[in-house]
Amino acid sequence: MQSPLKSLLFMAGLLTSLTAVAECTLPEQPTIPDGATSTMDEMVAGQKAVKAFQADAQAFRVCLDEEMDGLKSAATEGDKAAAEAYAAKTDAYNASVAAEEKIANEFNAQIRAYKAANAS
């Protein structure tokens, strides 16, 4: 019979291995409602989708940070593959920031369009 401590250590090691294998995934960008024709409910749903995207994009960047931490020292020591992976993850990080800014700007433009179409 195995001791509970051995079982716990085995499970912790397994989970760590699975986490290390997992890849960071950029969330899918939400569809922004057309402010000129959308209802208030559609705009609220759009806002929730944008906020969820922003939270998921932040989680994506945290995941990338963790992966990049593991690559940084190998890259600075001359590991070419690590340097290329580090550069690719840096590009993905920056692209996620740009995507988040783009979605926020698009949604804000649609809020202005909604307000203009529903001004009374």
Protein backbone atom coordinates (compact mmCIF):
# COMPACT_ATOMS: atom_id res chain seq x y z
CA MET A 1 0.00 0.00 0.00
CA GLN A 2 1.35 3.40 -0.96
CA SER A 3 1.55 6.16 1.57
CA PRO A 4 -0.72 9.17 1.09
CA LEU A 5 2.35 11.38 0.83
CA LYS A 6 3.77 9.38 -2.08
CA SER A 7 0.42 9.52 -3.87
CA LEU A 8 0.18 13.26 -3.29
CA LEU A 9 3.71 13.83 -4.60
CA PHE A 10 3.00 11.69 -7.66
CA MET A 11 -0.18 13.67 -8.45
CA ALA A 12 1.61 16.99 -7.94
CA GLY A 13 4.35 15.90 -10.34
CA LEU A 14 1.80 14.74 -12.89
CA LEU A 15 -0.11 18.02 -12.73
CA THR A 16 3.10 20.00 -13.08
CA SER A 17 4.04 17.99 -16.15
CA LEU A 18 0.63 18.47 -17.71
CA THR A 19 0.75 22.20 -17.04
CA ALA A 20 4.19 22.46 -18.62
CA VAL A 21 2.91 20.71 -21.75
CA ALA A 22 -0.18 22.92 -22.04
CA GLU A 23 0.07 25.71 -24.57
CA CYS A 24 -1.21 29.20 -24.06
CA THR A 25 -4.20 29.89 -26.28
CA LEU A 26 -5.26 33.34 -27.41
CA PRO A 27 -9.02 33.71 -26.95
CA GLU A 28 -11.28 34.21 -29.93
CA GLN A 29 -12.21 37.83 -30.50
CA PRO A 30 -15.87 38.63 -29.85
CA THR A 31 -18.24 39.95 -32.47
CA ILE A 32 -18.94 43.61 -31.81
CA PRO A 33 -22.59 44.63 -32.18
CA ASP A 34 -23.51 47.37 -34.65
CA GLY A 35 -24.38 50.29 -32.41
CA ALA A 36 -26.52 51.96 -35.04
CA THR A 37 -28.96 49.03 -35.19
CA SER A 38 -28.49 47.06 -31.95
CA THR A 39 -30.81 46.99 -28.98
CA MET A 40 -29.66 47.85 -25.48
CA ASP A 41 -29.64 44.12 -24.62
CA GLU A 42 -27.39 43.41 -27.60
CA MET A 43 -25.02 46.20 -26.57
CA VAL A 44 -24.89 44.89 -22.99
CA ALA A 45 -24.18 41.38 -24.30
CA GLY A 46 -21.45 42.87 -26.49
CA GLN A 47 -19.95 44.64 -23.49
CA LYS A 48 -19.92 41.37 -21.52
CA ALA A 49 -18.23 39.61 -24.45
CA VAL A 50 -15.58 42.33 -24.66
CA LYS A 51 -14.91 42.15 -20.91
CA ALA A 52 -14.64 38.34 -21.09
CA PHE A 53 -12.21 38.66 -23.99
CA GLN A 54 -10.13 41.15 -22.03
CA ALA A 55 -9.96 38.80 -19.02
CA ASP A 56 -9.07 35.84 -21.24
CA ALA A 57 -6.42 37.89 -23.06
CA GLN A 58 -4.90 38.83 -19.70
CA ALA A 59 -4.84 35.15 -18.69
CA PHE A 60 -3.20 34.36 -22.04
CA ARG A 61 -0.45 36.88 -21.33
CA VAL A 62 0.11 35.49 -17.82
CA CYS A 63 0.49 32.05 -19.38
CA LEU A 64 2.93 33.44 -21.95
CA ASP A 65 4.91 35.17 -19.20
CA GLU A 66 5.33 31.82 -17.46
CA GLU A 67 6.46 30.13 -20.66
CA MET A 68 8.78 33.00 -21.52
CA ASP A 69 10.40 32.86 -18.08
CA GLY A 70 11.43 29.30 -18.84
CA LEU A 71 12.89 30.25 -22.22
CA LYS A 72 14.64 33.48 -21.30
CA SER A 73 17.69 32.03 -19.58
CA ALA A 74 18.21 29.42 -22.30
CA ALA A 75 17.85 32.11 -24.96
CA THR A 76 20.41 34.38 -23.29
CA GLU A 77 22.82 31.44 -23.02
CA GLY A 78 22.77 31.03 -26.80
CA ASP A 79 20.10 28.37 -27.33
CA LYS A 80 18.86 29.34 -30.80
CA ALA A 81 15.62 27.36 -30.58
CA ALA A 82 14.82 28.93 -27.21
CA ALA A 83 15.60 32.39 -28.60
CA GLU A 84 13.24 31.82 -31.54
CA ALA A 85 10.49 30.50 -29.26
CA TYR A 86 11.01 33.46 -26.92
CA ALA A 87 10.73 35.90 -29.84
CA ALA A 88 7.58 34.17 -31.13
CA LYS A 89 5.96 34.31 -27.70
CA THR A 90 6.93 37.97 -27.35
CA ASP A 91 5.25 38.65 -30.70
CA ALA A 92 2.14 36.74 -29.57
CA TYR A 93 2.08 38.72 -26.32
CA ASN A 94 2.28 42.03 -28.19
CA ALA A 95 -0.35 40.90 -30.71
CA SER A 96 -2.74 40.08 -27.87
CA VAL A 97 -2.30 43.57 -26.42
CA ALA A 98 -2.96 45.09 -29.85
CA ALA A 99 -6.05 42.88 -30.34
CA GLU A 100 -7.41 43.89 -26.95
CA GLU A 101 -6.90 47.59 -27.73
CA LYS A 102 -8.52 47.16 -31.16
CA ILE A 103 -11.59 45.41 -29.73
CA ALA A 104 -11.98 48.06 -27.02
CA ASN A 105 -11.73 50.87 -29.58
CA GLU A 106 -14.22 49.17 -31.91
CA PHE A 107 -16.69 48.63 -29.09
CA ASN A 108 -16.34 52.24 -27.92
CA ALA A 109 -17.07 53.41 -31.47
CA GLN A 110 -20.22 51.27 -31.48
CA ILE A 111 -21.29 52.71 -28.13
CA ARG A 112 -21.04 56.18 -29.68
CA ALA A 113 -23.06 54.95 -32.68
CA TYR A 114 -25.68 53.46 -30.35
CA LYS A 115 -25.98 56.71 -28.40
CA ALA A 116 -26.30 58.71 -31.63
CA ALA A 117 -28.96 56.37 -33.01
CA ASN A 118 -30.94 56.37 -29.77
CA ALA A 119 -30.66 60.02 -28.77
CA SER A 120 -34.00 61.41 -27.76
